[in-house]
């Protein structure tokens, strides 16, 4: 997806002024938090736990929004608000403009069955059902004809590389294969929105990388709206169109992942990005300059290429200059000197000056 298309995509899910406080008098605690009371003060003085604070996030249709943070940051709490597995203390969650926090029980069940699917960290497959029956679960619950549900389930199992395993049971499959079943089940539901809560974190590193590749491959074809939770920055940067970083229940920074790496807003984010391989993570589009008339004759690089790939194309020649293209259009120019400069991380204060 080009950058223009990325920014033009309509907003699918909106989170507005969302608070979650755990405790018997949670609603009465919201004004205190809005007034500046911290998480530690709320716990010490009132024995209530602040889960989420003033969350404001837009998630665009057909894109992957990644929500990341360390354990206890609120990321899993946030994703469970999107389908109301957790009820908010205050605020709104809107799907296509409709506030799901106001839905009656029947409408909420319908939303979970047909509009939002979820892929869990621990797979959550039903052990007494075959792989085919697990994948066909959502359409079966909706009452769709068994032959139609089975045909769709087989199609998605084939798509995730599990053709031939329809009659097996979950315990007969490896962890990576079980997670493929979970993805196939989410896709078979035909839901508009996929929620993925630490979906790959229980997998071995090589299998995890394979699953990330599978998800990106499917996304290029299907253009689902995906909200993905992770604590791993490399995974977040590989998957995200839009990155949201949480700490202590509040959004620290959000936006284009490339911008967050280049311009960390706080020391907390600096600690995340300090040790990453910037050449592999950063893209040409993140550091290119406006194109001038005389640059049209230059050799070209694609905007989505990594700086590592650009260095390879240039053979490390710092004097090289390239024209940058996106979907076949000229969108900028890039000097290799800029590439090598970008490889040195900036502190939050330095990023603010730029």
Protein backbone atom coordinates (compact mmCIF):
# COMPACT_ATOMS: atom_id res chain seq x y z
CA UNK A 1 0.00 0.00 0.00
CA UNK A 2 1.38 3.40 -0.98
CA UNK A 3 1.81 6.16 1.60
CA UNK A 4 -1.02 8.20 0.06
CA UNK A 5 -3.37 5.22 0.17
CA UNK A 6 -2.31 4.50 3.74
CA UNK A 7 -3.32 7.96 4.91
CA UNK A 8 -6.54 8.01 2.86
CA UNK A 9 -7.88 4.77 4.34
CA UNK A 10 -11.06 5.36 6.36
CA UNK A 11 -10.99 4.94 10.13
CA UNK A 12 -12.48 1.58 11.10
CA UNK A 13 -12.06 1.51 14.89
CA UNK A 14 -11.86 4.59 17.12
CA UNK A 15 -10.97 4.63 20.81
CA UNK A 16 -12.04 7.83 22.50
CA UNK A 17 -11.18 9.05 26.03
CA UNK A 18 -11.01 5.46 27.28
CA UNK A 19 -10.37 4.75 30.97
CA UNK A 20 -10.26 1.46 32.84
CA UNK A 21 -9.94 1.45 36.61
CA UNK A 22 -10.13 -1.77 38.61
CA UNK A 23 -11.82 -1.52 42.01
CA UNK A 24 -15.24 -1.32 43.69
CA UNK A 25 -15.69 2.44 43.17
CA UNK A 26 -14.01 2.74 39.79
CA UNK A 27 -16.30 5.35 38.25
CA UNK A 28 -15.75 7.77 41.13
CA UNK A 29 -11.98 7.47 40.60
CA UNK A 30 -12.06 8.74 36.98
CA UNK A 31 -12.24 12.46 37.94
CA UNK A 32 -9.23 11.99 40.22
CA UNK A 33 -7.17 10.49 37.39
CA UNK A 34 -8.32 13.19 34.98
CA UNK A 35 -7.22 15.69 37.59
CA UNK A 36 -3.67 14.35 37.56
CA UNK A 37 -3.58 11.53 40.11
CA UNK A 38 -0.94 8.98 39.11
CA UNK A 39 -1.27 5.21 39.00
CA UNK A 40 0.83 4.77 42.14
CA UNK A 41 -1.10 7.47 44.02
CA UNK A 42 -4.43 5.89 43.08
CA UNK A 43 -3.28 2.54 44.41
CA UNK A 44 -1.74 3.94 47.61
CA UNK A 45 -4.55 6.32 48.54
CA UNK A 46 -7.66 4.56 47.21
CA UNK A 47 -6.64 0.91 46.62
CA UNK A 48 -7.75 1.07 42.98
CA UNK A 49 -5.65 0.02 39.99
CA UNK A 50 -5.38 2.24 36.92
CA UNK A 51 -5.47 0.03 33.83
CA UNK A 52 -5.98 2.53 31.01
CA UNK A 53 -5.84 6.32 31.01
CA UNK A 54 -7.26 8.67 28.35
CA UNK A 55 -6.64 6.35 25.38
CA UNK A 56 -7.17 8.07 22.02
CA UNK A 57 -6.38 5.89 18.99
CA UNK A 58 -7.66 5.68 15.40
CA UNK A 59 -7.26 2.35 13.59
CA UNK A 60 -7.61 2.54 9.82
CA UNK A 61 -9.37 0.08 7.57
CA UNK A 62 -7.15 -2.46 5.84
CA UNK A 63 -4.12 -1.72 8.00
CA UNK A 64 -2.26 -3.40 10.86
CA UNK A 65 -2.27 -1.37 14.06
CA UNK A 66 0.28 -2.74 16.51
CA UNK A 67 -0.08 -1.93 20.21
CA UNK A 68 3.12 -2.61 22.12
CA UNK A 69 4.55 -2.17 25.58
CA UNK A 70 6.12 -4.11 28.40
CA UNK A 71 4.21 -6.41 30.73
CA UNK A 72 1.68 -4.37 32.72
CA UNK A 73 1.54 -1.53 30.21
CA UNK A 74 -2.17 -2.11 29.47
CA UNK A 75 -1.95 -3.48 25.94
CA UNK A 76 -3.95 -6.69 26.55
CA UNK A 77 -6.46 -4.74 28.62
CA UNK A 78 -6.91 -2.35 25.70
CA UNK A 79 -7.50 -5.00 23.04
CA UNK A 80 -10.11 -6.70 25.23
CA UNK A 81 -12.06 -3.45 25.29
CA UNK A 82 -12.42 -3.53 21.51
CA UNK A 83 -14.83 -6.48 21.65
CA UNK A 84 -15.97 -5.76 25.22
CA UNK A 85 -14.45 -8.77 26.89
CA UNK A 86 -13.62 -6.02 29.41
CA UNK A 87 -16.09 -3.23 30.12
CA UNK A 88 -14.66 0.32 30.16
CA UNK A 89 -14.95 2.55 33.19
CA UNK A 90 -15.37 5.56 30.89
CA UNK A 91 -15.01 6.40 27.23
CA UNK A 92 -16.03 5.00 23.86
CA UNK A 93 -15.01 2.33 21.37
CA UNK A 94 -16.50 2.94 17.94
CA UNK A 95 -16.69 0.47 15.04
CA UNK A 96 -17.65 2.24 11.81
CA UNK A 97 -18.92 5.09 13.98
CA UNK A 98 -21.12 2.91 16.21
CA UNK A 99 -20.29 2.92 19.92
CA UNK A 100 -20.02 -0.74 20.90
CA UNK A 101 -20.05 0.14 24.61
CA UNK A 102 -23.79 0.81 24.21
CA UNK A 103 -24.65 -2.50 22.48
CA UNK A 104 -27.24 -4.78 24.07
CA UNK A 105 -26.15 -8.39 24.79
CA UNK A 106 -27.64 -9.84 21.59
CA UNK A 107 -25.98 -7.20 19.40
CA UNK A 108 -22.68 -7.69 21.22
CA UNK A 109 -22.81 -11.46 20.61
CA UNK A 110 -23.49 -10.81 16.94
CA UNK A 111 -20.50 -8.46 16.76
CA UNK A 112 -18.20 -11.12 18.24
CA UNK A 113 -19.54 -13.82 15.92
CA UNK A 114 -19.47 -11.92 12.64
CA UNK A 115 -17.57 -8.62 12.78
CA UNK A 116 -14.60 -9.17 15.11
CA UNK A 117 -12.50 -12.32 15.39
CA UNK A 118 -9.73 -12.98 17.90
CA UNK A 119 -6.49 -14.96 17.78
CA UNK A 120 -5.09 -15.79 21.22
CA UNK A 121 -1.56 -16.39 22.49
CA UNK A 122 -2.45 -19.83 23.85
CA UNK A 123 -4.25 -20.89 20.64
CA UNK A 124 -7.61 -21.53 22.44
CA UNK A 125 -8.52 -24.45 20.18
CA UNK A 126 -11.26 -26.84 21.29
CA UNK A 127 -9.46 -30.14 22.08
CA UNK A 128 -12.48 -32.39 21.45
CA UNK A 129 -13.09 -30.99 17.94
CA UNK A 130 -11.17 -31.76 14.77
CA UNK A 131 -9.08 -29.09 13.06
CA UNK A 132 -11.81 -28.66 10.45
CA UNK A 133 -14.46 -28.24 13.14
CA UNK A 134 -12.30 -25.70 14.99
CA UNK A 135 -11.81 -23.59 11.87
CA UNK A 136 -15.52 -23.75 10.98
CA UNK A 137 -16.58 -22.74 14.51
CA UNK A 138 -17.86 -19.21 13.82
CA UNK A 139 -20.03 -20.00 10.75
CA UNK A 140 -21.31 -23.13 12.52
CA UNK A 141 -22.42 -21.06 15.53
CA UNK A 142 -24.09 -18.59 13.15
CA UNK A 143 -26.15 -21.48 11.76
CA UNK A 144 -24.67 -21.59 8.27
CA UNK A 145 -25.08 -24.85 6.31
CA UNK A 146 -22.54 -27.48 7.37
CA UNK A 147 -21.31 -28.17 3.84
CA UNK A 148 -20.69 -24.47 3.16
CA UNK A 149 -18.87 -24.00 6.49
CA UNK A 150 -16.73 -27.09 5.87
CA UNK A 151 -15.82 -25.95 2.35
CA UNK A 152 -14.75 -22.52 3.62
CA UNK A 153 -12.78 -24.08 6.47
CA UNK A 154 -10.92 -26.35 4.04
CA UNK A 155 -10.14 -23.36 1.83
CA UNK A 156 -8.59 -21.41 4.71
CA UNK A 157 -6.67 -24.43 5.99
CA UNK A 158 -5.17 -24.79 2.54
CA UNK A 159 -4.34 -21.09 2.51
CA UNK A 160 -2.36 -21.35 5.76
CA UNK A 161 -0.55 -24.48 4.63
CA UNK A 162 -2.54 -27.14 6.53
CA UNK A 163 -4.35 -29.02 3.77
CA UNK A 164 -4.65 -32.67 4.77
CA UNK A 165 -4.90 -32.00 8.51
CA UNK A 166 -8.67 -31.53 8.58
CA UNK A 167 -9.35 -34.73 10.56
CA UNK A 168 -6.55 -34.26 13.08
CA UNK A 169 -7.06 -32.96 16.62
CA UNK A 170 -5.19 -30.01 18.17
CA UNK A 171 -2.92 -32.18 20.36
CA UNK A 172 -1.60 -33.86 17.21
CA UNK A 173 -0.21 -30.57 15.84
CA UNK A 174 2.86 -28.54 16.78
CA UNK A 175 2.53 -25.10 18.34
CA UNK A 176 3.17 -23.32 15.07
CA UNK A 177 0.60 -25.48 13.29
CA UNK A 178 -1.96 -24.82 16.03
CA UNK A 179 -1.47 -21.09 15.62
CA UNK A 180 -2.04 -21.48 11.88
CA UNK A 181 -5.33 -23.12 12.78
CA UNK A 182 -6.15 -20.12 14.98
CA UNK A 183 -5.51 -17.74 12.08
CA UNK A 184 -7.55 -19.91 9.70
CA UNK A 185 -10.41 -19.90 12.23
CA UNK A 186 -10.32 -16.10 12.45
CA UNK A 187 -10.32 -15.79 8.66
CA UNK A 188 -13.13 -18.34 8.24
CA UNK A 189 -15.35 -16.15 10.40
CA UNK A 190 -15.19 -13.54 7.59
CA UNK A 191 -14.86 -10.87 10.28
CA UNK A 192 -13.97 -7.33 9.24
CA UNK A 193 -11.58 -6.87 12.18
CA UNK A 194 -9.00 -9.36 13.52
CA UNK A 195 -7.75 -8.96 17.09
CA UNK A 196 -4.44 -10.72 17.78
CA UNK A 197 -3.29 -10.74 21.40
CA UNK A 198 0.40 -11.77 21.63
CA UNK A 199 -0.53 -14.29 18.94
CA UNK A 200 3.03 -15.39 18.15
CA UNK A 201 4.85 -14.87 21.45
CA UNK A 202 4.52 -18.51 22.57
CA UNK A 203 6.27 -19.76 19.43
CA UNK A 204 9.93 -20.54 18.83
CA UNK A 205 11.84 -17.70 17.09
CA UNK A 206 12.06 -19.34 13.65
CA UNK A 207 8.40 -20.37 13.68
CA UNK A 208 7.47 -16.91 14.93
CA UNK A 209 9.25 -15.28 12.00
CA UNK A 210 7.46 -17.66 9.62
CA UNK A 211 4.10 -16.75 11.14
CA UNK A 212 4.82 -13.03 10.78
CA UNK A 213 5.63 -13.64 7.12
CA UNK A 214 2.39 -15.59 6.66
CA UNK A 215 0.36 -12.81 8.26
CA UNK A 216 1.94 -10.18 5.99
CA UNK A 217 1.37 -12.36 2.95
CA UNK A 218 -2.30 -12.82 3.83
CA UNK A 219 -2.67 -9.12 4.58
CA UNK A 220 -1.36 -8.12 1.15
CA UNK A 221 -4.13 -10.22 -0.33
CA UNK A 222 -7.03 -9.65 2.09
CA UNK A 223 -6.48 -6.09 3.48
CA UNK A 224 -8.05 -6.89 6.85
CA UNK A 225 -8.19 -4.41 9.70
CA UNK A 226 -5.84 -6.05 12.22
CA UNK A 227 -5.07 -4.96 15.77
CA UNK A 228 -1.98 -6.82 16.96
CA UNK A 229 -0.59 -6.86 20.51
CA UNK A 230 3.10 -7.52 21.18
CA UNK A 231 5.89 -6.71 23.62
CA UNK A 232 8.54 -7.28 20.92
CA UNK A 233 9.77 -4.21 19.03
CA UNK A 234 11.21 -6.13 16.09
CA UNK A 235 7.85 -7.83 15.57
CA UNK A 236 6.02 -4.51 15.92
CA UNK A 237 8.24 -2.78 13.38
CA UNK A 238 7.92 -5.63 10.90
CA UNK A 239 4.12 -5.77 11.05
CA UNK A 240 2.85 -2.28 11.87
CA UNK A 241 1.32 0.29 9.57
CA UNK A 242 0.47 2.26 12.72
CA UNK A 243 2.31 1.76 16.00
CA UNK A 244 0.94 2.63 19.45
CA UNK A 245 3.32 2.46 22.42
CA UNK A 246 1.81 2.11 25.91
CA UNK A 247 3.33 2.55 29.35
CA UNK A 248 1.44 2.42 32.65
CA UNK A 249 -1.89 2.45 30.83
CA UNK A 250 -1.32 5.54 28.71
CA UNK A 251 -0.21 6.17 25.15
CA UNK A 252 3.38 7.42 25.15
CA UNK A 253 3.71 7.82 21.39
CA UNK A 254 1.86 6.66 18.30
CA UNK A 255 2.18 7.02 14.54
CA UNK A 256 4.26 5.71 11.66
CA UNK A 257 6.72 3.15 13.10
CA UNK A 258 9.53 4.72 11.10
CA UNK A 259 8.89 8.13 12.66
CA UNK A 260 8.87 6.63 16.15
CA UNK A 261 12.27 5.01 15.56
CA UNK A 262 13.68 8.21 14.08
CA UNK A 263 12.10 10.58 16.60
CA UNK A 264 11.43 8.91 19.97
CA UNK A 265 9.25 11.15 22.12
CA UNK A 266 10.48 9.98 25.52
CA UNK A 267 13.36 8.17 27.18
CA UNK A 268 11.03 5.16 27.63
CA UNK A 269 10.84 4.75 23.85
CA UNK A 270 14.55 5.45 23.43
CA UNK A 271 15.20 2.37 25.56
CA UNK A 272 13.14 0.30 23.11
CA UNK A 273 14.78 1.54 19.93
CA UNK A 274 18.38 1.96 21.11
CA UNK A 275 19.63 -1.52 20.24
CA UNK A 276 17.61 -2.37 17.13
CA UNK A 277 19.25 -2.91 13.74
CA UNK A 278 18.29 0.43 12.23
CA UNK A 279 19.58 -0.50 8.77
CA UNK A 280 17.18 -3.45 8.65
CA UNK A 281 14.21 -1.62 10.20
CA UNK A 282 14.26 1.85 8.63
CA UNK A 283 12.86 2.34 5.14
CA UNK A 284 13.98 4.62 2.35
CA UNK A 285 10.73 6.60 2.58
CA UNK A 286 11.50 7.60 6.17
CA UNK A 287 14.61 9.65 5.30
CA UNK A 288 14.09 10.72 1.66
CA UNK A 289 14.05 14.38 0.54
CA UNK A 290 11.73 16.18 -1.90
CA UNK A 291 12.46 15.44 -5.55
CA UNK A 292 13.80 18.22 -7.75
CA UNK A 293 13.63 18.43 -11.55
CA UNK A 294 17.23 17.42 -12.05
CA UNK A 295 16.81 14.25 -9.97
CA UNK A 296 14.50 12.56 -12.50
CA UNK A 297 17.43 10.99 -14.39
CA UNK A 298 18.89 9.27 -11.32
CA UNK A 299 18.83 5.54 -10.68
CA UNK A 300 15.81 4.57 -8.59
CA UNK A 301 15.14 2.91 -5.25
CA UNK A 302 11.73 1.78 -4.01
CA UNK A 303 10.40 3.71 -1.01
CA UNK A 304 9.70 0.47 0.86
CA UNK A 305 13.27 -0.81 0.64
CA UNK A 306 15.26 -0.96 3.86
CA UNK A 307 18.39 1.11 4.38
CA UNK A 308 20.29 -2.18 4.46
CA UNK A 309 19.03 -2.91 0.94
CA UNK A 310 19.92 0.62 -0.18
CA UNK A 311 23.48 0.18 1.12
CA UNK A 312 23.71 -3.07 -0.82
CA UNK A 313 22.50 -1.45 -4.04
CA UNK A 314 25.04 1.37 -3.66
CA UNK A 315 27.89 -1.00 -2.75
CA UNK A 316 28.54 1.31 0.19
CA UNK A 317 29.35 4.33 -1.99
CA UNK A 318 28.53 7.37 0.19
CA UNK A 319 28.41 9.68 -2.84
CA UNK A 320 25.54 7.89 -4.56
CA UNK A 321 22.19 9.69 -4.99
CA UNK A 322 18.93 7.92 -5.91
CA UNK A 323 15.45 8.78 -7.11
CA UNK A 324 12.77 7.23 -4.82
CA UNK A 325 9.63 5.65 -6.28
CA UNK A 326 6.39 4.43 -4.71
CA UNK A 327 3.93 2.38 -6.80
CA UNK A 328 5.83 3.50 -9.88
CA UNK A 329 5.62 7.23 -9.06
CA UNK A 330 8.56 9.48 -8.26
CA UNK A 331 8.15 10.61 -4.65
CA UNK A 332 11.58 11.83 -3.51
CA UNK A 333 15.34 11.50 -3.62
CA UNK A 334 17.88 9.92 -1.31
CA UNK A 335 21.58 10.47 -0.71
CA UNK A 336 23.66 7.68 0.71
CA UNK A 337 25.21 10.16 3.14
CA UNK A 338 21.70 10.56 4.64
CA UNK A 339 21.47 6.78 4.92
CA UNK A 340 24.65 6.50 7.00
CA UNK A 341 23.66 9.50 9.14
CA UNK A 342 20.30 7.85 9.91
CA UNK A 343 22.01 4.76 11.29
CA UNK A 344 23.11 6.68 14.40
CA UNK A 345 20.21 6.77 16.94
CA UNK A 346 18.98 10.12 18.29
CA UNK A 347 17.88 10.82 21.84
CA UNK A 348 14.40 12.18 22.48
CA UNK A 349 15.81 15.69 23.00
CA UNK A 350 17.78 15.52 19.75
CA UNK A 351 14.75 14.21 17.85
CA UNK A 352 12.64 17.09 19.19
CA UNK A 353 15.14 19.62 17.80
CA UNK A 354 14.77 18.05 14.36
